[in-house]
C-alpha atoms as a PDB file:
ATOM      1  CA  MET A   1      65.751  56.190 153.414  1.00  0.00           C
ATOM      2  CA  ILE A   2      67.623  54.194 150.380  1.00  0.00           C
ATOM      3  CA  TRP A   3      64.613  53.827 148.377  1.00  0.00           C
ATOM      4  CA  ARG A   4      63.510  57.579 149.166  1.00  0.00           C
ATOM      5  CA  GLY A   5      67.233  58.413 147.777  1.00  0.00           C
ATOM      6  CA  ARG A   6      66.795  56.394 144.677  1.00  0.00           C
ATOM      7  CA  ASP A   7      63.502  58.100 143.948  1.00  0.00           C
ATOM      8  CA  ILE A   8      64.964  61.673 144.217  1.00  0.00           C
ATOM      9  CA  SER A   9      67.881  60.148 142.019  1.00  0.00           C
ATOM     10  CA  ARG A  10      65.468  59.187 139.588  1.00  0.00           C
ATOM     11  CA  SER A  11      63.512  62.363 139.829  1.00  0.00           C
ATOM     12  CA  MET A  12      66.836  64.431 139.221  1.00  0.00           C
ATOM     13  CA  VAL A  13      67.947  62.221 136.318  1.00  0.00           C
ATOM     14  CA  ALA A  14      64.194  62.714 134.638  1.00  0.00           C
ATOM     15  CA  LEU A  15      64.391  66.479 135.151  1.00  0.00           C
ATOM     16  CA  VAL A  16      68.021  66.624 133.874  1.00  0.00           C
ATOM     17  CA  THR A  17      66.839  64.611 130.891  1.00  0.00           C
ATOM     18  CA  SER A  18      63.951  67.154 130.287  1.00  0.00           C
ATOM     19  CA  LEU A  19      65.942  70.145 130.479  1.00  0.00           C
ATOM     20  CA  ALA A  20      68.465  68.604 128.234  1.00  0.00           C
ATOM     21  CA  ALA A  21      65.828  67.781 125.555  1.00  0.00           C
ATOM     22  CA  LEU A  22      64.394  71.467 125.757  1.00  0.00           C
ATOM     23  CA  ALA A  23      67.982  72.868 125.140  1.00  0.00           C
ATOM     24  CA  LEU A  24      68.383  70.607 122.074  1.00  0.00           C
ATOM     25  CA  LEU A  25      64.939  71.692 120.967  1.00  0.00           C
ATOM     26  CA  GLY A  26      66.240  75.275 121.255  1.00  0.00           C
ATOM     27  CA  VAL A  27      69.389  74.674 119.287  1.00  0.00           C
ATOM     28  CA  ALA A  28      67.506  72.794 116.479  1.00  0.00           C
ATOM     29  CA  THR A  29      64.994  75.723 116.425  1.00  0.00           C
ATOM     30  CA  ARG A  30      67.671  78.703 116.010  1.00  0.00           C
ATOM     31  CA  ALA A  31      70.542  76.563 114.198  1.00  0.00           C
ATOM     32  CA  PRO A  32      69.494  78.075 110.879  1.00  0.00           C
ATOM     33  CA  ALA A  33      69.823  81.521 112.269  1.00  0.00           C
ATOM     34  CA  TRP A  34      73.340  81.013 113.878  1.00  0.00           C
ATOM     35  CA  PHE A  35      74.689  79.688 110.711  1.00  0.00           C
ATOM     36  CA  GLY A  36      73.532  82.655 108.811  1.00  0.00           C
ATOM     37  CA  GLN A  37      70.491  81.840 106.972  1.00  0.00           C
ATOM     38  CA  ASP A  38      68.920  84.738 108.297  1.00  0.00           C
ATOM     39  CA  GLN A  39      71.574  87.335 107.672  1.00  0.00           C
ATOM     40  CA  GLY A  40      71.202  89.880 104.860  1.00  0.00           C
ATOM     41  CA  VAL A  41      67.295  90.347 105.009  1.00  0.00           C
ATOM     42  CA  ASP A  42      66.176  93.554 106.676  1.00  0.00           C
ATOM     43  CA  ASN A  43      62.825  93.857 108.615  1.00  0.00           C
ATOM     44  CA  VAL A  44      60.360  96.213 106.898  1.00  0.00           C
ATOM     45  CA  PRO A  45      57.219  96.522 108.760  1.00  0.00           C
ATOM     46  CA  PRO A  46      53.743  97.417 107.012  1.00  0.00           C
ATOM     47  CA  GLY A  47      52.368 100.925 107.563  1.00  0.00           C
ATOM     48  CA  LEU A  48      48.784 102.180 107.498  1.00  0.00           C
ATOM     49  CA  LEU A  49      46.352 101.207 104.715  1.00  0.00           C
ATOM     50  CA  THR A  50      43.654 103.398 103.520  1.00  0.00           C
ATOM     51  CA  VAL A  51      41.202 102.425 100.786  1.00  0.00           C
ATOM     52  CA  MET A  52      39.088 104.953  99.217  1.00  0.00           C
ATOM     53  CA  PRO A  53      35.334 104.175  98.805  1.00  0.00           C
ATOM     54  CA  SER A  54      35.913 104.171  95.005  1.00  0.00           C
ATOM     55  CA  ALA A  55      38.710 101.114  95.493  1.00  0.00           C
ATOM     56  CA  ARG A  56      36.590  99.034  97.937  1.00  0.00           C
ATOM     57  CA  GLY A  57      34.463  96.041  97.067  1.00  0.00           C
ATOM     58  CA  VAL A  58      35.049  92.619  95.269  1.00  0.00           C
ATOM     59  CA  ALA A  59      36.086  92.191  91.716  1.00  0.00           C
ATOM     60  CA  THR A  60      35.409  88.793  90.120  1.00  0.00           C
ATOM     61  CA  LEU A  61      38.347  87.274  88.061  1.00  0.00           C
ATOM     62  CA  GLY A  62      36.378  84.358  86.499  1.00  0.00           C
ATOM     63  CA  GLY A  63      36.663  80.579  87.434  1.00  0.00           C
ATOM     64  CA  GLY A  64      34.897  81.574  90.680  1.00  0.00           C
ATOM     65  CA  VAL A  65      38.047  83.486  91.840  1.00  0.00           C
ATOM     66  CA  SER A  66      37.610  87.201  93.196  1.00  0.00           C
ATOM     67  CA  VAL A  67      39.823  89.764  94.885  1.00  0.00           C
ATOM     68  CA  SER A  68      38.614  92.188  97.778  1.00  0.00           C
ATOM     69  CA  LEU A  69      40.179  95.262  98.934  1.00  0.00           C
ATOM     70  CA  TYR A  70      39.015  96.807 102.235  1.00  0.00           C
ATOM     71  CA  PRO A  71      40.606  98.754 105.042  1.00  0.00           C
ATOM     72  CA  ASP A  72      41.246  95.762 106.817  1.00  0.00           C
ATOM     73  CA  GLY A  73      43.243  94.172 103.949  1.00  0.00           C
ATOM     74  CA  MET A  74      43.258  92.281 100.447  1.00  0.00           C
ATOM     75  CA  ARG A  75      41.682  88.707 100.262  1.00  0.00           C
ATOM     76  CA  ILE A  76      41.809  86.444  97.162  1.00  0.00           C
ATOM     77  CA  THR A  77      39.475  83.694  97.282  1.00  0.00           C
ATOM     78  CA  ARG A  78      37.831  80.751  95.223  1.00  0.00           C
ATOM     79  CA  GLY A  79      34.330  80.272  96.010  1.00  0.00           C
ATOM     80  CA  THR A  80      34.628  79.734  99.887  1.00  0.00           C
ATOM     81  CA  ASP A  81      38.288  78.750  99.770  1.00  0.00           C
ATOM     82  CA  LEU A  82      40.861  81.545 100.919  1.00  0.00           C
ATOM     83  CA  LEU A  83      43.718  81.575  98.607  1.00  0.00           C
ATOM     84  CA  LEU A  84      45.904  84.452 100.058  1.00  0.00           C
ATOM     85  CA  GLN A  85      45.440  87.128 102.555  1.00  0.00           C
ATOM     86  CA  THR A  86      47.546  90.497 103.055  1.00  0.00           C
ATOM     87  CA  VAL A  87      48.425  91.357 106.537  1.00  0.00           C
ATOM     88  CA  VAL A  88      45.379  92.321 108.625  1.00  0.00           C
ATOM     89  CA  GLY A  89      44.888  96.177 109.173  1.00  0.00           C
ATOM     90  CA  GLY A  90      48.390  97.104 107.591  1.00  0.00           C
ATOM     91  CA  SER A  91      49.525  98.248 104.407  1.00  0.00           C
ATOM     92  CA  VAL A  92      49.437  95.704 101.551  1.00  0.00           C
ATOM     93  CA  LEU A  93      52.984  96.404 100.356  1.00  0.00           C
ATOM     94  CA  SER A  94      55.943  98.780 101.237  1.00  0.00           C
ATOM     95  CA  GLY A  95      58.441 100.620  98.978  1.00  0.00           C
ATOM     96  CA  VAL A  96      61.881 100.412  99.570  1.00  0.00           C
ATOM     97  CA  VAL A  97      64.920 102.624  98.726  1.00  0.00           C
ATOM     98  CA  GLY A  98      68.322 100.971  99.151  1.00  0.00           C
ATOM     99  CA  ARG A  99      70.428  98.316  97.569  1.00  0.00           C
ATOM    100  CA  VAL A 100      71.011  94.546  97.278  1.00  0.00           C
ATOM    101  CA  SER A 101      74.668  92.878  97.295  1.00  0.00           C
ATOM    102  CA  VAL A 102      75.738  89.621  95.998  1.00  0.00           C
ATOM    103  CA  ALA A 103      79.118  88.136  97.059  1.00  0.00           C
ATOM    104  CA  GLY A 104      79.249  84.445  95.594  1.00  0.00           C
ATOM    105  CA  THR A 105      76.513  82.537  97.099  1.00  0.00           C
ATOM    106  CA  ASP A 106      75.841  85.449 100.010  1.00  0.00           C
ATOM    107  CA  VAL A 107      73.164  87.890  99.358  1.00  0.00           C
ATOM    108  CA  SER A 108      72.421  90.788 101.522  1.00  0.00           C
ATOM    109  CA  GLU A 109      70.244  93.976 101.292  1.00  0.00           C
ATOM    110  CA  THR A 110      70.719  97.463 102.822  1.00  0.00           C
ATOM    111  CA  VAL A 111      67.423  99.442 103.454  1.00  0.00           C
ATOM    112  CA  GLN A 112      68.131 102.911 103.510  1.00  0.00           C
ATOM    113  CA  ARG A 113      64.436 104.041 103.530  1.00  0.00           C
ATOM    114  CA  HIS A 114      61.063 101.794 103.942  1.00  0.00           C
ATOM    115  CA  ILE A 115      58.124 103.815 102.674  1.00  0.00           C
ATOM    116  CA  ASP A 116      55.211 101.801 104.483  1.00  0.00           C
ATOM    117  CA  ASN A 117      52.000 103.692 104.180  1.00  0.00           C
ATOM    118  CA  LEU A 118      49.643 102.811 101.352  1.00  0.00           C
ATOM    119  CA  VAL A 119      46.496 104.653 100.077  1.00  0.00           C
ATOM    120  CA  VAL A 120      44.500 103.033  97.475  1.00  0.00           C
ATOM    121  CA  ASP A 121      42.444 105.612  95.506  1.00  0.00           C
ATOM    122  CA  ASP A 122      40.989 103.795  92.716  1.00  0.00           C
ATOM    123  CA  LEU A 123      39.946 100.380  91.068  1.00  0.00           C
ATOM    124  CA  VAL A 124      39.616  99.899  87.490  1.00  0.00           C
ATOM    125  CA  PHE A 125      38.051  96.337  86.390  1.00  0.00           C
ATOM    126  CA  LEU A 126      38.579  94.670  83.105  1.00  0.00           C
ATOM    127  CA  PRO A 127      37.447  91.103  82.395  1.00  0.00           C
ATOM    128  CA  GLY A 128      39.772  89.016  84.433  1.00  0.00           C
ATOM    129  CA  GLN A 129      42.088  91.534  85.842  1.00  0.00           C
ATOM    130  CA  ALA A 130      41.499  94.030  88.695  1.00  0.00           C
ATOM    131  CA  THR A 131      43.689  97.113  88.726  1.00  0.00           C
ATOM    132  CA  TYR A 132      44.222  99.471  91.789  1.00  0.00           C
ATOM    133  CA  PHE A 133      45.910 102.874  91.657  1.00  0.00           C
ATOM    134  CA  GLY A 134      47.432 104.721  94.911  1.00  0.00           C
ATOM    135  CA  ARG A 135      50.476 105.776  96.480  1.00  0.00           C
ATOM    136  CA  VAL A 136      52.848 104.861  99.126  1.00  0.00           C
ATOM    137  CA  TYR A 137      54.036 107.435 101.432  1.00  0.00           C
ATOM    138  CA  ASP A 138      55.733 108.336 104.683  1.00  0.00           C
ATOM    139  CA  SER A 139      57.029 111.781 106.161  1.00  0.00           C
ATOM    140  CA  GLY A 140      58.931 113.074 103.317  1.00  0.00           C
ATOM    141  CA  VAL A 141      58.147 111.032 100.297  1.00  0.00           C
ATOM    142  CA  SER A 142      55.167 109.792  98.215  1.00  0.00           C
ATOM    143  CA  LEU A 143      55.427 107.595  95.379  1.00  0.00           C
ATOM    144  CA  PRO A 144      52.675 106.413  92.969  1.00  0.00           C
ATOM    145  CA  VAL A 145      51.735 102.611  93.004  1.00  0.00           C
ATOM    146  CA  THR A 146      49.779 100.286  90.749  1.00  0.00           C
ATOM    147  CA  ILE A 147      48.715  97.023  92.078  1.00  0.00           C
ATOM    148  CA  THR A 148      47.328  94.549  89.197  1.00  0.00           C
ATOM    149  CA  VAL A 149      45.444  91.226  90.058  1.00  0.00           C
ATOM    150  CA  GLN A 150      44.859  88.852  87.163  1.00  0.00           C
ATOM    151  CA  LEU A 151      43.924  85.284  86.760  1.00  0.00           C
ATOM    152  CA  ALA A 152      46.267  83.299  84.462  1.00  0.00           C
ATOM    153  CA  GLY A 153      45.046  79.824  84.215  1.00  0.00           C
ATOM    154  CA  SER A 154      46.450  77.464  87.101  1.00  0.00           C
ATOM    155  CA  PHE A 155      47.754  80.558  89.229  1.00  0.00           C
ATOM    156  CA  ILE A 156      46.941  84.330  90.152  1.00  0.00           C
ATOM    157  CA  ARG A 157      49.506  86.970  89.174  1.00  0.00           C
ATOM    158  CA  ILE A 158      49.403  89.799  91.694  1.00  0.00           C
ATOM    159  CA  GLY A 159      51.882  92.580  90.377  1.00  0.00           C
ATOM    160  CA  ALA A 160      52.922  95.978  91.810  1.00  0.00           C
ATOM    161  CA  SER A 161      54.836  98.743  90.308  1.00  0.00           C
ATOM    162  CA  VAL A 162      56.121 101.276  92.837  1.00  0.00           C
ATOM    163  CA  ILE A 163      57.571 104.092  90.677  1.00  0.00           C
ATOM    164  CA  GLY A 164      60.804 105.320  92.273  1.00  0.00           C
ATOM    165  CA  ALA A 165      61.622 102.452  94.516  1.00  0.00           C
ATOM    166  CA  ASP A 166      64.200  99.943  94.343  1.00  0.00           C
ATOM    167  CA  ALA A 167      62.263  97.114  95.816  1.00  0.00           C
ATOM    168  CA  VAL A 168      58.772  96.192  96.884  1.00  0.00           C
ATOM    169  CA  VAL A 169      57.868  94.293  99.938  1.00  0.00           C
ATOM    170  CA  TRP A 170      54.624  92.317 100.029  1.00  0.00           C
ATOM    171  CA  HIS A 171      52.919  91.960 103.431  1.00  0.00           C
ATOM    172  CA  LEU A 172      50.947  88.841 103.806  1.00  0.00           C
ATOM    173  CA  ALA A 173      49.113  87.336 106.781  1.00  0.00           C
ATOM    174  CA  ARG A 174      51.100  84.891 108.575  1.00  0.00           C
ATOM    175  CA  GLU A 175      49.582  81.242 107.873  1.00  0.00           C
ATOM    176  CA  THR A 176      50.489  78.209 109.965  1.00  0.00           C
ATOM    177  CA  ARG A 177      52.849  75.460 108.581  1.00  0.00           C
ATOM    178  CA  THR A 178      54.404  77.753 106.045  1.00  0.00           C
ATOM    179  CA  PHE A 179      57.167  75.720 104.472  1.00  0.00           C
ATOM    180  CA  GLY A 180      59.674  76.169 101.407  1.00  0.00           C
ATOM    181  CA  ILE A 181      59.291  74.525  98.039  1.00  0.00           C
ATOM    182  CA  PRO A 182      62.424  73.170  96.328  1.00  0.00           C
ATOM    183  CA  PRO A 183      64.281  74.330  94.464  1.00  0.00           C
ATOM    184  CA  ALA A 184      63.479  77.908  95.410  1.00  0.00           C
ATOM    185  CA  LEU A 185      63.758  77.202  99.129  1.00  0.00           C
ATOM    186  CA  GLY A 186      64.713  74.154 101.196  1.00  0.00           C
ATOM    187  CA  PRO A 187      61.750  71.923 102.430  1.00  0.00           C
ATOM    188  CA  VAL A 188      61.832  72.971 106.030  1.00  0.00           C
ATOM    189  CA  ILE A 189      59.309  75.118 108.323  1.00  0.00           C
ATOM    190  CA  LEU A 190      60.069  78.766 107.641  1.00  0.00           C
ATOM    191  CA  ARG A 191      58.594  80.081 110.922  1.00  0.00           C
ATOM    192  CA  GLY A 192      60.906  82.559 112.611  1.00  0.00           C
ATOM    193  CA  HIS A 193      63.590  82.716 109.894  1.00  0.00           C
ATOM    194  CA  ALA A 194      64.116  84.506 106.428  1.00  0.00           C
ATOM    195  CA  ALA A 195      65.797  82.994 103.436  1.00  0.00           C
ATOM    196  CA  TRP A 196      66.723  84.038  99.827  1.00  0.00           C
ATOM    197  CA  ILE A 197      65.095  82.347  97.064  1.00  0.00           C
ATOM    198  CA  ALA A 198      67.494  80.513  94.600  1.00  0.00           C
ATOM    199  CA  PRO A 199      68.439  82.736  91.926  1.00  0.00           C
ATOM    200  CA  ASP A 200      68.032  80.541  89.313  1.00  0.00           C
ATOM    201  CA  THR A 201      63.993  79.846  90.141  1.00  0.00           C
ATOM    202  CA  PRO A 202      62.045  80.786  87.361  1.00  0.00           C
ATOM    203  CA  ASP A 203      59.655  83.668  87.320  1.00  0.00           C
ATOM    204  CA  GLY A 204      56.602  82.927  89.665  1.00  0.00           C
ATOM    205  CA  ARG A 205      58.030  79.250  90.541  1.00  0.00           C
ATOM    206  CA  ALA A 206      56.365  78.448  93.814  1.00  0.00           C
ATOM    207  CA  ALA A 207      58.686  79.057  96.674  1.00  0.00           C
ATOM    208  CA  PHE A 208      56.473  78.180  99.876  1.00  0.00           C
ATOM    209  CA  SER A 209      53.337  76.766 100.797  1.00  0.00           C
ATOM    210  CA  THR A 210      50.848  77.344 103.763  1.00  0.00           C
ATOM    211  CA  VAL A 211      48.021  75.552 105.644  1.00  0.00           C
ATOM    212  CA  LEU A 212      45.615  77.158 102.971  1.00  0.00           C
ATOM    213  CA  GLY A 213      46.682  74.673 100.480  1.00  0.00           C
ATOM    214  CA  THR A 214      48.110  77.316  97.955  1.00  0.00           C
ATOM    215  CA  ASP A 215      51.681  77.854  96.718  1.00  0.00           C
ATOM    216  CA  VAL A 216      53.270  81.256  96.592  1.00  0.00           C
ATOM    217  CA  GLY A 217      55.890  82.414  94.350  1.00  0.00           C
ATOM    218  CA  ALA A 218      57.664  85.568  93.394  1.00  0.00           C
ATOM    219  CA  GLY A 219      59.175  87.382  90.173  1.00  0.00           C
ATOM    220  CA  PRO A 220      60.706  88.324  88.336  1.00  0.00           C
ATOM    221  CA  GLN A 221      63.613  86.112  88.240  1.00  0.00           C
ATOM    222  CA  ARG A 222      66.085  88.679  87.384  1.00  0.00           C
ATOM    223  CA  ALA A 223      65.300  90.252  90.888  1.00  0.00           C
ATOM    224  CA  GLN A 224      66.599  89.100  93.990  1.00  0.00           C
ATOM    225  CA  ARG A 225      63.873  87.618  96.236  1.00  0.00           C
ATOM    226  CA  SER A 226      63.484  86.712  99.882  1.00  0.00           C
ATOM    227  CA  VAL A 227      60.960  85.481 102.321  1.00  0.00           C
ATOM    228  CA  ASP A 228      60.764  86.708 105.834  1.00  0.00           C
ATOM    229  CA  LEU A 229      58.799  85.131 108.693  1.00  0.00           C
ATOM    230  CA  ARG A 230      60.616  86.459 111.532  1.00  0.00           C
ATOM    231  CA  SER A 231      57.907  88.750 112.713  1.00  0.00           C
ATOM    232  CA  ALA A 232      54.543  87.872 114.505  1.00  0.00           C
ATOM    233  CA  GLY A 233      51.528  87.941 112.307  1.00  0.00           C
ATOM    234  CA  ARG A 234      53.046  88.338 108.910  1.00  0.00           C
ATOM    235  CA  THR A 235      54.969  86.870 106.011  1.00  0.00           C
ATOM    236  CA  ASP A 236      57.005  89.505 104.074  1.00  0.00           C
ATOM    237  CA  VAL A 237      58.213  88.714 100.382  1.00  0.00           C
ATOM    238  CA  HIS A 238      60.999  91.276  99.118  1.00  0.00           C
ATOM    239  CA  VAL A 239      61.519  91.788  95.345  1.00  0.00           C
ATOM    240  CA  TRP A 240      64.306  93.727  94.602  1.00  0.00           C
ATOM    241  CA  THR A 241      62.767  95.667  91.527  1.00  0.00           C
ATOM    242  CA  ASP A 242      60.282  98.566  91.149  1.00  0.00           C
ATOM    243  CA  SER A 243      57.940  96.217  89.678  1.00  0.00           C
ATOM    244  CA  GLY A 244      57.359  92.680  91.147  1.00  0.00           C
ATOM    245  CA  TYR A 245      54.939  90.364  91.430  1.00  0.00           C
ATOM    246  CA  LEU A 246      53.339  87.335  93.382  1.00  0.00           C
ATOM    247  CA  THR A 247      51.858  84.429  92.022  1.00  0.00           C
ATOM    248  CA  VAL A 248      49.309  82.260  94.056  1.00  0.00           C
ATOM    249  CA  SER A 249      47.707  78.992  93.159  1.00  0.00           C
ATOM    250  CA  SER A 250      44.419  79.660  91.669  1.00  0.00           C
ATOM    251  CA  GLN A 251      42.833  76.306  93.486  1.00  0.00           C
ATOM    252  CA  ALA A 252      43.753  75.149  97.060  1.00  0.00           C
ATOM    253  CA  ARG A 253      44.366  71.681  97.769  1.00  0.00           C
ATOM    254  CA  HIS A 254      42.041  70.266 100.196  1.00  0.00           C
ATOM    255  CA  LEU A 255      43.123  67.710 102.776  1.00  0.00           C
ATOM    256  CA  PRO A 256      41.759  64.460 102.541  1.00  0.00           C
ATOM    257  CA  THR A 257      38.718  63.875 104.981  1.00  0.00           C
ATOM    258  CA  ALA A 258      38.504  60.892 107.425  1.00  0.00           C
ATOM    259  CA  THR A 259      36.144  59.345 104.895  1.00  0.00           C
ATOM    260  CA  THR A 260      38.553  59.203 101.921  1.00  0.00           C
ATOM    261  CA  SER A 261      39.600  56.144 100.758  1.00  0.00           C
ATOM    262  CA  THR A 262      43.337  55.646 100.334  1.00  0.00           C
ATOM    263  CA  THR A 263      42.842  52.446  98.277  1.00  0.00           C
ATOM    264  CA  SER A 264      42.911  52.288  94.686  1.00  0.00           C
END
């Protein structure tokens, strides 16, 4: 009976230790939100994406880089490498009506209306550049949209103009191991959180990286910018101007294989 009692005590200690470890893990996971890191960024969900036949297909930008747009989303590739993908089956972007406020180091946005449905009507292709024309709309508002994708050396620039909006929100597909890149964002896993990009981050400087091996930035610098990974399946990038853009590496970093030598 004594030994059985000791076994029960040891089991209870192990159980309590495990529960304590889980509790600490939960604290570590949620601590950034509790300390206000997530405050001030509103949830802007994607709407419907409609791509007319004249805008569908693949446009080659050069250097092996191409952009494709179909009803399931936009993809940017280099050869067989996927560099960036918008949310699957939803609008590439939304237009936002509202305002952003800055008080010292605290930034917050007030979204009065998000216009989430996107129709892309046409594609005009020039050497190294694909330009899409369409509109975002909801039950009461329709705003013209221009999306331009161009190769600019070591990165690809994806710009959008939403005439009449105060902000543009890009809806990207969620990629695992998304982490911030200093000085734009802290070097931490961003999953489940939202954060404002440091205001002194230059135009297009990389703000976060994903498992795809590409770095993504946002501009222009004069606009307040944030990254939101709180919703399942997507990464939203908010840019508070009617003409914002993303930058993405034009070549993916490849993880070393098991046969790669680490000696010089």
